[in-house]
Protein backbone atom coordinates (compact mmCIF):
# COMPACT_ATOMS: atom_id res chain seq x y z
CA GLN A 1 -47.25 66.47 -71.77
CA VAL A 2 -46.73 63.60 -69.36
CA GLN A 3 -48.99 63.55 -66.31
CA LEU A 4 -48.66 61.10 -63.44
CA VAL A 5 -51.24 60.88 -60.67
CA GLU A 6 -50.67 58.74 -57.60
CA SER A 7 -53.43 57.37 -55.38
CA GLY A 8 -54.00 54.74 -52.71
CA GLY A 9 -52.10 56.24 -49.82
CA GLY A 10 -53.48 56.47 -46.31
CA LEU A 11 -53.06 55.50 -42.68
CA VAL A 12 -52.26 51.87 -41.97
CA GLN A 13 -51.16 49.96 -38.88
CA PRO A 14 -47.72 48.34 -38.71
CA GLY A 15 -47.81 45.00 -40.49
CA GLY A 16 -50.58 46.15 -42.79
CA SER A 17 -50.74 46.48 -46.54
CA LEU A 18 -51.52 49.13 -49.12
CA ARG A 19 -51.58 49.30 -52.90
CA LEU A 20 -50.50 52.52 -54.55
CA SER A 21 -51.49 53.35 -58.11
CA CYS A 22 -49.91 55.71 -60.62
CA ALA A 23 -52.13 56.58 -63.56
CA ALA A 24 -50.18 57.97 -66.52
CA SER A 25 -51.32 60.11 -69.43
CA GLY A 26 -49.41 61.69 -72.28
CA THR A 27 -47.07 58.73 -72.40
CA ILE A 28 -47.10 55.00 -73.01
CA ILE A 29 -45.67 53.37 -69.91
CA SER A 30 -44.87 50.12 -71.69
CA LEU A 31 -42.14 51.96 -73.62
CA TYR A 32 -40.26 53.26 -70.58
CA SER A 33 -38.97 52.34 -67.18
CA MET A 34 -41.22 53.45 -64.34
CA ALA A 35 -40.20 53.97 -60.74
CA TRP A 36 -41.47 54.74 -57.27
CA TYR A 37 -39.63 57.05 -54.90
CA ARG A 38 -40.45 58.23 -51.41
CA GLN A 39 -39.58 61.14 -49.18
CA ALA A 40 -39.91 61.07 -45.42
CA PRO A 41 -40.08 64.28 -43.36
CA GLY A 42 -36.65 65.84 -43.05
CA LYS A 43 -35.05 63.34 -45.42
CA GLN A 44 -34.03 63.30 -49.06
CA ARG A 45 -36.15 61.62 -51.67
CA GLU A 46 -35.06 58.02 -52.12
CA TRP A 47 -35.61 55.42 -54.80
CA VAL A 48 -37.90 52.53 -53.78
CA ALA A 49 -38.52 50.35 -56.82
CA SER A 50 -38.48 50.36 -60.60
CA ILE A 51 -39.71 48.28 -63.49
CA THR A 52 -38.14 48.41 -66.96
CA PHE A 53 -40.04 48.31 -70.22
CA LEU A 54 -38.97 44.67 -70.43
CA GLY A 55 -40.53 44.00 -67.04
CA ARG A 56 -37.38 43.69 -64.96
CA GLU A 57 -38.02 44.71 -61.35
CA ASP A 58 -35.51 46.19 -58.93
CA TYR A 59 -35.96 47.15 -55.29
CA ALA A 60 -34.19 49.09 -52.60
CA ASP A 61 -32.82 46.79 -49.91
CA SER A 62 -35.11 48.39 -47.34
CA VAL A 63 -38.25 47.18 -49.14
CA LYS A 64 -37.06 44.00 -50.84
CA GLY A 65 -39.37 41.09 -50.08
CA ARG A 66 -42.14 43.40 -48.83
CA PHE A 67 -42.96 45.62 -51.81
CA THR A 68 -43.83 44.60 -55.37
CA ILE A 69 -43.95 46.89 -58.39
CA SER A 70 -46.19 45.95 -61.27
CA ARG A 71 -47.58 47.46 -64.43
CA ASP A 72 -50.90 47.23 -66.30
CA ASN A 73 -50.11 48.39 -69.82
CA ALA A 74 -53.76 48.31 -70.88
CA LYS A 75 -54.62 50.78 -68.12
CA ASN A 76 -51.36 52.71 -68.49
CA THR A 77 -50.97 52.35 -64.73
CA VAL A 78 -48.14 51.32 -62.44
CA TYR A 79 -48.72 49.87 -58.99
CA LEU A 80 -46.75 49.49 -55.80
CA HIS A 81 -48.00 46.68 -53.58
CA MET A 82 -46.74 47.23 -50.05
CA SER A 83 -47.02 44.65 -47.28
CA SER A 84 -45.55 44.14 -43.81
CA LEU A 85 -45.46 47.90 -43.52
CA LYS A 86 -43.26 49.49 -40.87
CA PRO A 87 -43.36 52.95 -39.29
CA GLU A 88 -40.17 53.79 -41.19
CA ASP A 89 -42.11 53.35 -44.46
CA THR A 90 -44.02 56.52 -43.61
CA ALA A 91 -43.39 59.00 -46.42
CA VAL A 92 -44.86 60.71 -49.44
CA TYR A 93 -44.61 58.27 -52.33
CA TYR A 94 -43.95 59.56 -55.84
CA CYS A 95 -44.27 57.99 -59.26
CA ASN A 96 -41.58 58.73 -61.83
CA GLU A 97 -41.18 58.31 -65.56
CA ARG A 98 -38.04 59.83 -67.08
CA MET A 99 -38.16 63.51 -66.02
CA SER A 100 -41.81 63.51 -64.94
CA TRP A 101 -43.14 63.25 -61.39
CA GLY A 102 -46.55 62.97 -59.85
CA PRO A 103 -47.69 65.13 -56.90
CA GLY A 104 -47.29 62.21 -54.50
CA THR A 105 -49.50 60.30 -52.09
CA GLN A 106 -49.02 60.18 -48.33
CA VAL A 107 -48.47 56.84 -46.60
CA THR A 108 -48.51 56.82 -42.81
CA VAL A 109 -47.74 53.67 -40.86
CA SER A 110 -48.75 54.07 -37.26
CA SER A 111 -50.68 52.34 -34.51
């Protein structure tokens, strides 16, 4: 059974940075595409970034140039490096692999 556990969320000021982690078990992340999604209060869950098993990265326009997705196959962990954070980045961030989701980690951008 695939389990994904996100961590690294928190409160950060506008312009700040955070690194989210997604530790996977029951799967080998190097074999699959991995993705990050987010859901803000009152809004639908939206795709943020993904990385294919070949290492190709794709980003939503709203985060392009500010967020970077990466993968450590030895640790079976996916990361989301977020910089130049804005209040509109406030959301619960979820890790995704095929049909599996983590419980999410809260990111709040506020002064």
